[in-house]
Amino acid sequence: MSSSCSFRITRTAEDLAQTINALSQRLVKLEQRQEALELQLGQQGSEDHAEELQVLDGVDQILRECHQLLETPKQEIEEPETWPGEEHNESMAA
């Protein structure tokens, strides 16, 4: 009977060893997939960042132009010329 019990223990230990081996291999594969996904996400993220930087550069340019317009003295801004006959129309409206 002791040999039967010893056989069961040995068989169970072998089964456990095979299960642990299979789980270890799956874990390695999952870690490799995770690394590949992280690299892929990192590359996509850098492409997205480049597009965002281009948009922000455009916004910065528009802001600079607006600041320049605001800082321009009023005399430098050209007044619209009056068309001939507008003075006549203004006096008729009054």
C-alpha atoms as a PDB file:
ATOM      1  CA  MET A   1       0.000   0.000   0.000  1.00  0.00           C
ATOM      2  CA  SER A   2       2.872   2.323   0.710  1.00  0.00           C
ATOM      3  CA  SER A   3       4.095   1.854  -2.844  1.00  0.00           C
ATOM      4  CA  SER A   4       0.677   2.868  -4.164  1.00  0.00           C
ATOM      5  CA  CYS A   5       0.685   5.981  -1.980  1.00  0.00           C
ATOM      6  CA  SER A   6       4.232   6.811  -3.042  1.00  0.00           C
ATOM      7  CA  PHE A   7       3.239   6.393  -6.703  1.00  0.00           C
ATOM      8  CA  ARG A   8       0.316   8.809  -6.254  1.00  0.00           C
ATOM      9  CA  ILE A   9       2.536  11.392  -4.586  1.00  0.00           C
ATOM     10  CA  THR A  10       5.111  11.072  -7.354  1.00  0.00           C
ATOM     11  CA  ARG A  11       2.438  11.289 -10.044  1.00  0.00           C
ATOM     12  CA  THR A  12       0.849  14.340  -8.392  1.00  0.00           C
ATOM     13  CA  ALA A  13       4.234  16.022  -8.086  1.00  0.00           C
ATOM     14  CA  GLU A  14       4.905  15.402 -11.783  1.00  0.00           C
ATOM     15  CA  ASP A  15       1.489  16.798 -12.718  1.00  0.00           C
ATOM     16  CA  LEU A  16       2.154  19.876 -10.597  1.00  0.00           C
ATOM     17  CA  ALA A  17       5.562  20.334 -12.204  1.00  0.00           C
ATOM     18  CA  GLN A  18       4.031  20.122 -15.688  1.00  0.00           C
ATOM     19  CA  THR A  19       1.291  22.580 -14.716  1.00  0.00           C
ATOM     20  CA  ILE A  20       3.839  25.015 -13.287  1.00  0.00           C
ATOM     21  CA  ASN A  21       5.941  24.672 -16.441  1.00  0.00           C
ATOM     22  CA  ALA A  22       2.905  25.352 -18.673  1.00  0.00           C
ATOM     23  CA  LEU A  23       1.905  28.374 -16.557  1.00  0.00           C
ATOM     24  CA  SER A  24       5.460  29.724 -16.694  1.00  0.00           C
ATOM     25  CA  GLN A  25       5.504  29.459 -20.484  1.00  0.00           C
ATOM     26  CA  ARG A  26       2.144  31.233 -20.727  1.00  0.00           C
ATOM     27  CA  LEU A  27       3.396  33.951 -18.400  1.00  0.00           C
ATOM     28  CA  VAL A  28       6.472  34.505 -20.581  1.00  0.00           C
ATOM     29  CA  LYS A  29       4.271  34.764 -23.693  1.00  0.00           C
ATOM     30  CA  LEU A  30       1.940  37.218 -21.952  1.00  0.00           C
ATOM     31  CA  GLU A  31       4.881  39.362 -20.841  1.00  0.00           C
ATOM     32  CA  GLN A  32       6.207  39.424 -24.409  1.00  0.00           C
ATOM     33  CA  ARG A  33       2.800  40.436 -25.747  1.00  0.00           C
ATOM     34  CA  GLN A  34       2.546  43.139 -23.098  1.00  0.00           C
ATOM     35  CA  GLU A  35       5.952  44.554 -24.084  1.00  0.00           C
ATOM     36  CA  ALA A  36       4.961  44.534 -27.754  1.00  0.00           C
ATOM     37  CA  LEU A  37       1.703  46.350 -26.970  1.00  0.00           C
ATOM     38  CA  GLU A  38       3.510  48.919 -24.826  1.00  0.00           C
ATOM     39  CA  LEU A  39       5.972  49.605 -27.646  1.00  0.00           C
ATOM     40  CA  GLN A  40       3.116  49.948 -30.122  1.00  0.00           C
ATOM     41  CA  LEU A  41       1.259  52.340 -27.821  1.00  0.00           C
ATOM     42  CA  GLY A  42       4.443  54.332 -27.295  1.00  0.00           C
ATOM     43  CA  GLN A  43       4.912  54.754 -31.037  1.00  0.00           C
ATOM     44  CA  GLN A  44       1.293  55.782 -31.549  1.00  0.00           C
ATOM     45  CA  GLY A  45       1.595  58.198 -28.656  1.00  0.00           C
ATOM     46  CA  SER A  46       4.638  59.888 -30.177  1.00  0.00           C
ATOM     47  CA  GLU A  47       2.809  60.280 -33.512  1.00  0.00           C
ATOM     48  CA  ASP A  48      -0.171  61.806 -31.689  1.00  0.00           C
ATOM     49  CA  HIS A  49       2.160  64.150 -29.833  1.00  0.00           C
ATOM     50  CA  ALA A  50       3.676  65.334 -33.110  1.00  0.00           C
ATOM     51  CA  GLU A  51       0.230  66.207 -34.478  1.00  0.00           C
ATOM     52  CA  GLU A  52      -0.707  67.970 -31.245  1.00  0.00           C
ATOM     53  CA  LEU A  53       2.527  69.969 -31.375  1.00  0.00           C
ATOM     54  CA  GLN A  54       1.749  71.098 -34.930  1.00  0.00           C
ATOM     55  CA  VAL A  55      -1.713  72.255 -33.864  1.00  0.00           C
ATOM     56  CA  LEU A  56      -0.287  74.056 -30.847  1.00  0.00           C
ATOM     57  CA  ASP A  57       2.351  75.734 -33.026  1.00  0.00           C
ATOM     58  CA  GLY A  58      -0.449  77.048 -35.223  1.00  0.00           C
ATOM     59  CA  VAL A  59      -2.289  78.361 -32.170  1.00  0.00           C
ATOM     60  CA  ASP A  60       0.904  80.024 -30.938  1.00  0.00           C
ATOM     61  CA  GLN A  61       1.346  81.742 -34.307  1.00  0.00           C
ATOM     62  CA  ILE A  62      -2.224  83.047 -34.226  1.00  0.00           C
ATOM     63  CA  LEU A  63      -1.734  84.311 -30.670  1.00  0.00           C
ATOM     64  CA  ARG A  64       1.467  86.137 -31.669  1.00  0.00           C
ATOM     65  CA  GLU A  65      -0.322  87.771 -34.577  1.00  0.00           C
ATOM     66  CA  CYS A  66      -3.165  88.851 -32.293  1.00  0.00           C
ATOM     67  CA  HIS A  67      -0.700  90.302 -29.780  1.00  0.00           C
ATOM     68  CA  GLN A  68       1.039  92.199 -32.567  1.00  0.00           C
ATOM     69  CA  LEU A  69      -2.267  93.636 -33.713  1.00  0.00           C
ATOM     70  CA  LEU A  70      -3.154  94.657 -30.178  1.00  0.00           C
ATOM     71  CA  GLU A  71       0.238  96.286 -29.659  1.00  0.00           C
ATOM     72  CA  THR A  72       0.093  98.209 -32.932  1.00  0.00           C
ATOM     73  CA  PRO A  73      -0.510 101.907 -32.211  1.00  0.00           C
ATOM     74  CA  LYS A  74      -3.836 103.210 -33.454  1.00  0.00           C
ATOM     75  CA  GLN A  75      -2.162 105.629 -35.904  1.00  0.00           C
ATOM     76  CA  GLU A  76      -0.507 102.760 -37.745  1.00  0.00           C
ATOM     77  CA  ILE A  77      -3.833 101.108 -38.439  1.00  0.00           C
ATOM     78  CA  GLU A  78      -5.084 102.480 -41.712  1.00  0.00           C
ATOM     79  CA  GLU A  79      -8.406 104.233 -41.567  1.00  0.00           C
ATOM     80  CA  PRO A  80     -10.735 103.265 -44.385  1.00  0.00           C
ATOM     81  CA  GLU A  81     -10.920 105.889 -47.072  1.00  0.00           C
ATOM     82  CA  THR A  82     -14.268 107.477 -47.700  1.00  0.00           C
ATOM     83  CA  TRP A  83     -15.666 106.991 -51.138  1.00  0.00           C
ATOM     84  CA  PRO A  84     -16.635 110.001 -53.156  1.00  0.00           C
ATOM     85  CA  GLY A  85     -20.258 110.733 -52.572  1.00  0.00           C
ATOM     86  CA  GLU A  86     -20.380 109.188 -49.095  1.00  0.00           C
ATOM     87  CA  GLU A  87     -20.286 112.599 -47.498  1.00  0.00           C
ATOM     88  CA  HIS A  88     -23.310 113.525 -49.608  1.00  0.00           C
ATOM     89  CA  ASN A  89     -25.176 110.382 -48.480  1.00  0.00           C
ATOM     90  CA  GLU A  90     -24.368 111.108 -44.826  1.00  0.00           C
ATOM     91  CA  SER A  91     -25.760 114.634 -45.080  1.00  0.00           C
ATOM     92  CA  MET A  92     -28.936 113.319 -46.721  1.00  0.00           C
ATOM     93  CA  ALA A  93     -29.433 110.787 -43.920  1.00  0.00           C
ATOM     94  CA  ALA A  94     -29.135 113.534 -41.310  1.00  0.00           C
END
